[in-house]
């Protein structure tokens, strides 16, 4: 699972996850400030996380992304 968090000046924060082959694994582009992308990695390799913040009312807006691994 990949989760995003942003500060009180952010109203919309989006995440997308890409597989090593370039395909899309999942995304959360809802109009909220707490995106979550759940996925099961189909193969080992380097995955890409793309974060975007279309809703920032007062710059600079601060954000963080965290990757969780389920056992």
PDB file of N, CA and C in Angstrom:
ATOM      1  N   UNK A   1       0.845  -1.165   0.000  1.00  0.00           N
ATOM      2  CA  UNK A   1       0.000   0.000   0.000  1.00  0.00           C
ATOM      3  C   UNK A   1       0.895   1.233   0.000  1.00  0.00           C
ATOM      4  N   UNK A   2       0.483   2.220  -0.765  1.00  0.00           N
ATOM      5  CA  UNK A   2       1.152   3.510  -0.784  1.00  0.00           C
ATOM      6  C   UNK A   2       0.138   4.543  -0.314  1.00  0.00           C
ATOM      7  N   UNK A   3       0.529   5.369   0.653  1.00  0.00           N
ATOM      8  CA  UNK A   3      -0.369   6.385   1.195  1.00  0.00           C
ATOM      9  C   UNK A   3       0.300   7.744   1.117  1.00  0.00           C
ATOM     10  N   UNK A   4      -0.502   8.765   0.853  1.00  0.00           N
ATOM     11  CA  UNK A   4       0.005  10.123   0.784  1.00  0.00           C
ATOM     12  C   UNK A   4      -0.639  10.990   1.842  1.00  0.00           C
ATOM     13  N   UNK A   5       0.104  11.965   2.294  1.00  0.00           N
ATOM     14  CA  UNK A   5      -0.357  12.883   3.331  1.00  0.00           C
ATOM     15  C   UNK A   5       0.091  14.286   2.954  1.00  0.00           C
ATOM     16  N   UNK A   6      -0.745  15.276   3.192  1.00  0.00           N
ATOM     17  CA  UNK A   6      -0.318  16.654   2.943  1.00  0.00           C
ATOM     18  C   UNK A   6      -0.838  17.565   4.044  1.00  0.00           C
ATOM     19  N   UNK A   7      -0.305  18.790   4.076  1.00  0.00           N
ATOM     20  CA  UNK A   7      -0.630  19.708   5.160  1.00  0.00           C
ATOM     21  C   UNK A   7      -2.001  20.355   4.988  1.00  0.00           C
ATOM     22  N   UNK A   8      -2.344  21.239   5.915  1.00  0.00           N
ATOM     23  CA  UNK A   8      -3.673  21.849   5.933  1.00  0.00           C
ATOM     24  C   UNK A   8      -3.938  22.794   4.764  1.00  0.00           C
ATOM     25  N   UNK A   9      -2.908  23.194   4.035  1.00  0.00           N
ATOM     26  CA  UNK A   9      -3.098  24.069   2.870  1.00  0.00           C
ATOM     27  C   UNK A   9      -3.385  23.294   1.589  1.00  0.00           C
ATOM     28  N   UNK A  10      -3.355  21.992   1.685  1.00  0.00           N
ATOM     29  CA  UNK A  10      -3.554  21.110   0.527  1.00  0.00           C
ATOM     30  C   UNK A  10      -4.967  20.524   0.575  1.00  0.00           C
ATOM     31  N   UNK A  11      -5.699  20.640  -0.520  1.00  0.00           N
ATOM     32  CA  UNK A  11      -7.047  20.072  -0.566  1.00  0.00           C
ATOM     33  C   UNK A  11      -7.156  18.890  -1.522  1.00  0.00           C
ATOM     34  N   UNK A  12      -6.145  18.704  -2.374  1.00  0.00           N
ATOM     35  CA  UNK A  12      -6.169  17.601  -3.339  1.00  0.00           C
ATOM     36  C   UNK A  12      -4.750  17.118  -3.584  1.00  0.00           C
ATOM     37  N   UNK A  13      -4.507  15.844  -3.247  1.00  0.00           N
ATOM     38  CA  UNK A  13      -3.194  15.213  -3.401  1.00  0.00           C
ATOM     39  C   UNK A  13      -3.439  13.876  -4.070  1.00  0.00           C
ATOM     40  N   UNK A  14      -2.733  13.588  -5.158  1.00  0.00           N
ATOM     41  CA  UNK A  14      -2.964  12.375  -5.949  1.00  0.00           C
ATOM     42  C   UNK A  14      -1.704  11.526  -6.023  1.00  0.00           C
ATOM     43  N   UNK A  15      -1.896  10.198  -6.152  1.00  0.00           N
ATOM     44  CA  UNK A  15      -0.790   9.255  -6.299  1.00  0.00           C
ATOM     45  C   UNK A  15      -1.075   8.289  -7.426  1.00  0.00           C
ATOM     46  N   UNK A  16      -0.011   7.891  -8.122  1.00  0.00           N
ATOM     47  CA  UNK A  16      -0.092   6.836  -9.136  1.00  0.00           C
ATOM     48  C   UNK A  16       1.118   5.931  -8.958  1.00  0.00           C
ATOM     49  N   UNK A  17       0.933   4.629  -9.168  1.00  0.00           N
ATOM     50  CA  UNK A  17       2.015   3.655  -9.022  1.00  0.00           C
ATOM     51  C   UNK A  17       2.201   2.942 -10.351  1.00  0.00           C
ATOM     52  N   UNK A  18       3.468   2.864 -10.786  1.00  0.00           N
ATOM     53  CA  UNK A  18       3.797   2.196 -12.041  1.00  0.00           C
ATOM     54  C   UNK A  18       4.693   0.994 -11.808  1.00  0.00           C
ATOM     55  N   UNK A  19       4.504  -0.051 -12.610  1.00  0.00           N
ATOM     56  CA  UNK A  19       5.284  -1.281 -12.518  1.00  0.00           C
ATOM     57  C   UNK A  19       6.621  -1.136 -13.239  1.00  0.00           C
ATOM     58  N   UNK A  20       7.546  -2.074 -13.014  1.00  0.00           N
ATOM     59  CA  UNK A  20       8.841  -2.015 -13.681  1.00  0.00           C
ATOM     60  C   UNK A  20       8.746  -2.001 -15.215  1.00  0.00           C
ATOM     61  N   UNK A  21       7.691  -2.591 -15.769  1.00  0.00           N
ATOM     62  CA  UNK A  21       7.542  -2.617 -17.230  1.00  0.00           C
ATOM     63  C   UNK A  21       6.872  -1.356 -17.773  1.00  0.00           C
ATOM     64  N   UNK A  22       6.558  -0.402 -16.884  1.00  0.00           N
ATOM     65  CA  UNK A  22       5.946   0.853 -17.311  1.00  0.00           C
ATOM     66  C   UNK A  22       4.427   0.878 -17.245  1.00  0.00           C
ATOM     67  N   UNK A  23       3.817  -0.248 -16.961  1.00  0.00           N
ATOM     68  CA  UNK A  23       2.355  -0.282 -16.890  1.00  0.00           C
ATOM     69  C   UNK A  23       1.864   0.318 -15.577  1.00  0.00           C
ATOM     70  N   UNK A  24       0.624   0.740 -15.576  1.00  0.00           N
ATOM     71  CA  UNK A  24       0.018   1.321 -14.387  1.00  0.00           C
ATOM     72  C   UNK A  24      -0.467   0.223 -13.457  1.00  0.00           C
ATOM     73  N   UNK A  25      -0.118   0.336 -12.187  1.00  0.00           N
ATOM     74  CA  UNK A  25      -0.553  -0.625 -11.172  1.00  0.00           C
ATOM     75  C   UNK A  25      -1.825  -0.132 -10.484  1.00  0.00           C
ATOM     76  N   UNK A  26      -1.891   1.167 -10.258  1.00  0.00           N
ATOM     77  CA  UNK A  26      -3.051   1.737  -9.595  1.00  0.00           C
ATOM     78  C   UNK A  26      -2.858   3.218  -9.365  1.00  0.00           C
ATOM     79  N   UNK A  27      -3.953   3.883  -9.054  1.00  0.00           N
ATOM     80  CA  UNK A  27      -3.890   5.314  -8.781  1.00  0.00           C
ATOM     81  C   UNK A  27      -5.052   5.736  -7.906  1.00  0.00           C
ATOM     82  N   UNK A  28      -4.864   6.846  -7.220  1.00  0.00           N
ATOM     83  CA  UNK A  28      -5.925   7.485  -6.460  1.00  0.00           C
ATOM     84  C   UNK A  28      -5.908   8.947  -6.867  1.00  0.00           C
ATOM     85  N   UNK A  29      -6.874   9.332  -7.675  1.00  0.00           N
ATOM     86  CA  UNK A  29      -6.977  10.716  -8.149  1.00  0.00           C
ATOM     87  C   UNK A  29      -8.287  11.354  -7.688  1.00  0.00           C
ATOM     88  N   UNK A  30      -8.835  10.827  -6.603  1.00  0.00           N
ATOM     89  CA  UNK A  30     -10.035  11.428  -6.026  1.00  0.00           C
ATOM     90  C   UNK A  30      -9.699  12.824  -5.519  1.00  0.00           C
ATOM     91  N   UNK A  31     -10.686  13.683  -5.435  1.00  0.00           N
ATOM     92  CA  UNK A  31     -10.462  15.042  -4.959  1.00  0.00           C
ATOM     93  C   UNK A  31     -10.462  15.057  -3.428  1.00  0.00           C
ATOM     94  N   UNK A  32      -9.351  14.553  -2.858  1.00  0.00           N
ATOM     95  CA  UNK A  32      -9.156  14.546  -1.418  1.00  0.00           C
ATOM     96  C   UNK A  32      -7.678  14.719  -1.113  1.00  0.00           C
ATOM     97  N   UNK A  33      -7.355  14.827   0.165  1.00  0.00           N
ATOM     98  CA  UNK A  33      -5.967  15.087   0.541  1.00  0.00           C
ATOM     99  C   UNK A  33      -5.277  13.882   1.181  1.00  0.00           C
ATOM    100  N   UNK A  34      -5.844  12.679   1.011  1.00  0.00           N
ATOM    101  CA  UNK A  34      -5.271  11.474   1.611  1.00  0.00           C
ATOM    102  C   UNK A  34      -5.373  10.296   0.642  1.00  0.00           C
ATOM    103  N   UNK A  35      -4.563  10.299  -0.429  1.00  0.00           N
ATOM    104  CA  UNK A  35      -4.652   9.205  -1.405  1.00  0.00           C
ATOM    105  C   UNK A  35      -4.070   7.904  -0.864  1.00  0.00           C
ATOM    106  N   UNK A  36      -4.673   6.800  -1.267  1.00  0.00           N
ATOM    107  CA  UNK A  36      -4.191   5.467  -0.916  1.00  0.00           C
ATOM    108  C   UNK A  36      -4.285   4.594  -2.160  1.00  0.00           C
ATOM    109  N   UNK A  37      -3.182   3.901  -2.466  1.00  0.00           N
ATOM    110  CA  UNK A  37      -3.168   2.952  -3.581  1.00  0.00           C
ATOM    111  C   UNK A  37      -2.791   1.590  -3.012  1.00  0.00           C
ATOM    112  N   UNK A  38      -3.718   0.647  -3.072  1.00  0.00           N
ATOM    113  CA  UNK A  38      -3.460  -0.725  -2.652  1.00  0.00           C
ATOM    114  C   UNK A  38      -3.124  -1.550  -3.882  1.00  0.00           C
ATOM    115  N   UNK A  39      -2.080  -2.363  -3.788  1.00  0.00           N
ATOM    116  CA  UNK A  39      -1.730  -3.222  -4.912  1.00  0.00           C
ATOM    117  C   UNK A  39      -0.865  -4.378  -4.432  1.00  0.00           C
ATOM    118  N   UNK A  40      -0.823  -5.425  -5.240  1.00  0.00           N
ATOM    119  CA  UNK A  40       0.084  -6.535  -5.005  1.00  0.00           C
ATOM    120  C   UNK A  40       1.064  -6.537  -6.161  1.00  0.00           C
ATOM    121  N   UNK A  41       2.337  -6.400  -5.848  1.00  0.00           N
ATOM    122  CA  UNK A  41       3.368  -6.330  -6.885  1.00  0.00           C
ATOM    123  C   UNK A  41       3.392  -7.632  -7.679  1.00  0.00           C
ATOM    124  N   UNK A  42       3.176  -7.568  -9.008  1.00  0.00           N
ATOM    125  CA  UNK A  42       3.161  -8.781  -9.813  1.00  0.00           C
ATOM    126  C   UNK A  42       4.552  -9.360 -10.074  1.00  0.00           C
ATOM    127  N   UNK A  43       5.595  -8.566  -9.862  1.00  0.00           N
ATOM    128  CA  UNK A  43       6.968  -9.022 -10.105  1.00  0.00           C
ATOM    129  C   UNK A  43       7.906  -8.173  -9.265  1.00  0.00           C
ATOM    130  N   UNK A  44       9.118  -8.677  -9.064  1.00  0.00           N
ATOM    131  CA  UNK A  44      10.101  -7.867  -8.358  1.00  0.00           C
ATOM    132  C   UNK A  44      10.669  -6.829  -9.316  1.00  0.00           C
ATOM    133  N   UNK A  45      11.222  -5.777  -8.765  1.00  0.00           N
ATOM    134  CA  UNK A  45      11.798  -4.730  -9.592  1.00  0.00           C
ATOM    135  C   UNK A  45      11.557  -3.370  -8.985  1.00  0.00           C
ATOM    136  N   UNK A  46      11.855  -2.346  -9.759  1.00  0.00           N
ATOM    137  CA  UNK A  46      11.710  -0.974  -9.307  1.00  0.00           C
ATOM    138  C   UNK A  46      10.348  -0.446  -9.728  1.00  0.00           C
ATOM    139  N   UNK A  47       9.569  -0.023  -8.740  1.00  0.00           N
ATOM    140  CA  UNK A  47       8.248   0.550  -8.980  1.00  0.00           C
ATOM    141  C   UNK A  47       8.350   2.067  -8.868  1.00  0.00           C
ATOM    142  N   UNK A  48       7.518   2.765  -9.601  1.00  0.00           N
ATOM    143  CA  UNK A  48       7.544   4.222  -9.634  1.00  0.00           C
ATOM    144  C   UNK A  48       6.301   4.781  -8.958  1.00  0.00           C
ATOM    145  N   UNK A  49       6.498   5.756  -8.090  1.00  0.00           N
ATOM    146  CA  UNK A  49       5.385   6.461  -7.461  1.00  0.00           C
ATOM    147  C   UNK A  49       5.413   7.900  -7.960  1.00  0.00           C
ATOM    148  N   UNK A  50       4.296   8.327  -8.526  1.00  0.00           N
ATOM    149  CA  UNK A  50       4.174   9.706  -9.005  1.00  0.00           C
ATOM    150  C   UNK A  50       3.150  10.407  -8.124  1.00  0.00           C
ATOM    151  N   UNK A  51       3.583  11.492  -7.497  1.00  0.00           N
ATOM    152  CA  UNK A  51       2.713  12.279  -6.632  1.00  0.00           C
ATOM    153  C   UNK A  51       2.447  13.621  -7.297  1.00  0.00           C
ATOM    154  N   UNK A  52       1.201  14.079  -7.223  1.00  0.00           N
ATOM    155  CA  UNK A  52       0.867  15.402  -7.744  1.00  0.00           C
ATOM    156  C   UNK A  52      -0.082  16.085  -6.768  1.00  0.00           C
ATOM    157  N   UNK A  53      -0.001  17.401  -6.735  1.00  0.00           N
ATOM    158  CA  UNK A  53      -0.804  18.179  -5.801  1.00  0.00           C
ATOM    159  C   UNK A  53      -1.565  19.261  -6.567  1.00  0.00           C
ATOM    160  N   UNK A  54      -2.704  18.901  -7.166  1.00  0.00           N
ATOM    161  CA  UNK A  54      -3.465  19.894  -7.924  1.00  0.00           C
ATOM    162  C   UNK A  54      -4.203  20.905  -7.046  1.00  0.00           C
ATOM    163  N   UNK A  55      -4.324  20.633  -5.750  1.00  0.00           N
ATOM    164  CA  UNK A  55      -5.062  21.546  -4.878  1.00  0.00           C
ATOM    165  C   UNK A  55      -4.218  22.063  -3.727  1.00  0.00           C
ATOM    166  N   UNK A  56      -3.427  23.107  -3.983  1.00  0.00           N
ATOM    167  CA  UNK A  56      -2.606  23.740  -2.954  1.00  0.00           C
ATOM    168  C   UNK A  56      -3.042  25.194  -2.862  1.00  0.00           C
ATOM    169  N   UNK A  57      -3.612  25.579  -1.712  1.00  0.00           N
ATOM    170  CA  UNK A  57      -4.168  26.924  -1.610  1.00  0.00           C
ATOM    171  C   UNK A  57      -3.133  27.988  -1.259  1.00  0.00           C
ATOM    172  N   UNK A  58      -2.147  27.652  -0.445  1.00  0.00           N
ATOM    173  CA  UNK A  58      -1.107  28.609  -0.054  1.00  0.00           C
ATOM    174  C   UNK A  58       0.245  27.912  -0.145  1.00  0.00           C
ATOM    175  N   UNK A  59       1.042  28.283  -1.120  1.00  0.00           N
ATOM    176  CA  UNK A  59       2.351  27.655  -1.300  1.00  0.00           C
ATOM    177  C   UNK A  59       3.316  28.139  -0.227  1.00  0.00           C
ATOM    178  N   UNK A  60       4.230  27.312   0.225  1.00  0.00           N
ATOM    179  CA  UNK A  60       4.419  25.941  -0.229  1.00  0.00           C
ATOM    180  C   UNK A  60       3.538  24.970   0.550  1.00  0.00           C
ATOM    181  N   UNK A  61       2.959  24.026  -0.147  1.00  0.00           N
ATOM    182  CA  UNK A  61       2.220  22.943   0.499  1.00  0.00           C
ATOM    183  C   UNK A  61       3.206  21.796   0.723  1.00  0.00           C
ATOM    184  N   UNK A  62       3.132  21.187   1.867  1.00  0.00           N
ATOM    185  CA  UNK A  62       4.044  20.104   2.207  1.00  0.00           C
ATOM    186  C   UNK A  62       3.320  18.768   2.106  1.00  0.00           C
ATOM    187  N   UNK A  63       4.047  17.759   1.639  1.00  0.00           N
ATOM    188  CA  UNK A  63       3.448  16.438   1.465  1.00  0.00           C
ATOM    189  C   UNK A  63       4.471  15.355   1.744  1.00  0.00           C
ATOM    190  N   UNK A  64       3.960  14.154   2.006  1.00  0.00           N
ATOM    191  CA  UNK A  64       4.805  12.987   2.231  1.00  0.00           C
ATOM    192  C   UNK A  64       4.113  11.768   1.634  1.00  0.00           C
ATOM    193  N   UNK A  65       4.920  10.786   1.271  1.00  0.00           N
ATOM    194  CA  UNK A  65       4.416   9.518   0.746  1.00  0.00           C
ATOM    195  C   UNK A  65       5.067   8.409   1.557  1.00  0.00           C
ATOM    196  N   UNK A  66       4.269   7.427   1.936  1.00  0.00           N
ATOM    197  CA  UNK A  66       4.794   6.303   2.696  1.00  0.00           C
ATOM    198  C   UNK A  66       4.375   5.003   2.032  1.00  0.00           C
ATOM    199  N   UNK A  67       5.302   4.065   1.979  1.00  0.00           N
ATOM    200  CA  UNK A  67       5.054   2.734   1.406  1.00  0.00           C
ATOM    201  C   UNK A  67       4.946   1.747   2.556  1.00  0.00           C
ATOM    202  N   UNK A  68       3.862   0.990   2.568  1.00  0.00           N
ATOM    203  CA  UNK A  68       3.643  -0.041   3.586  1.00  0.00           C
ATOM    204  C   UNK A  68       3.707  -1.395   2.926  1.00  0.00           C
ATOM    205  N   UNK A  69       4.324  -2.334   3.602  1.00  0.00           N
ATOM    206  CA  UNK A  69       4.393  -3.703   3.111  1.00  0.00           C
ATOM    207  C   UNK A  69       3.608  -4.592   4.053  1.00  0.00           C
ATOM    208  N   UNK A  70       2.659  -5.316   3.508  1.00  0.00           N
ATOM    209  CA  UNK A  70       1.877  -6.252   4.308  1.00  0.00           C
ATOM    210  C   UNK A  70       2.601  -7.588   4.335  1.00  0.00           C
ATOM    211  N   UNK A  71       2.556  -8.235   5.449  1.00  0.00           N
ATOM    212  CA  UNK A  71       3.256  -9.534   5.569  1.00  0.00           C
ATOM    213  C   UNK A  71       2.304 -10.666   5.494  1.00  0.00           C
TER     214      UNK A  71
END
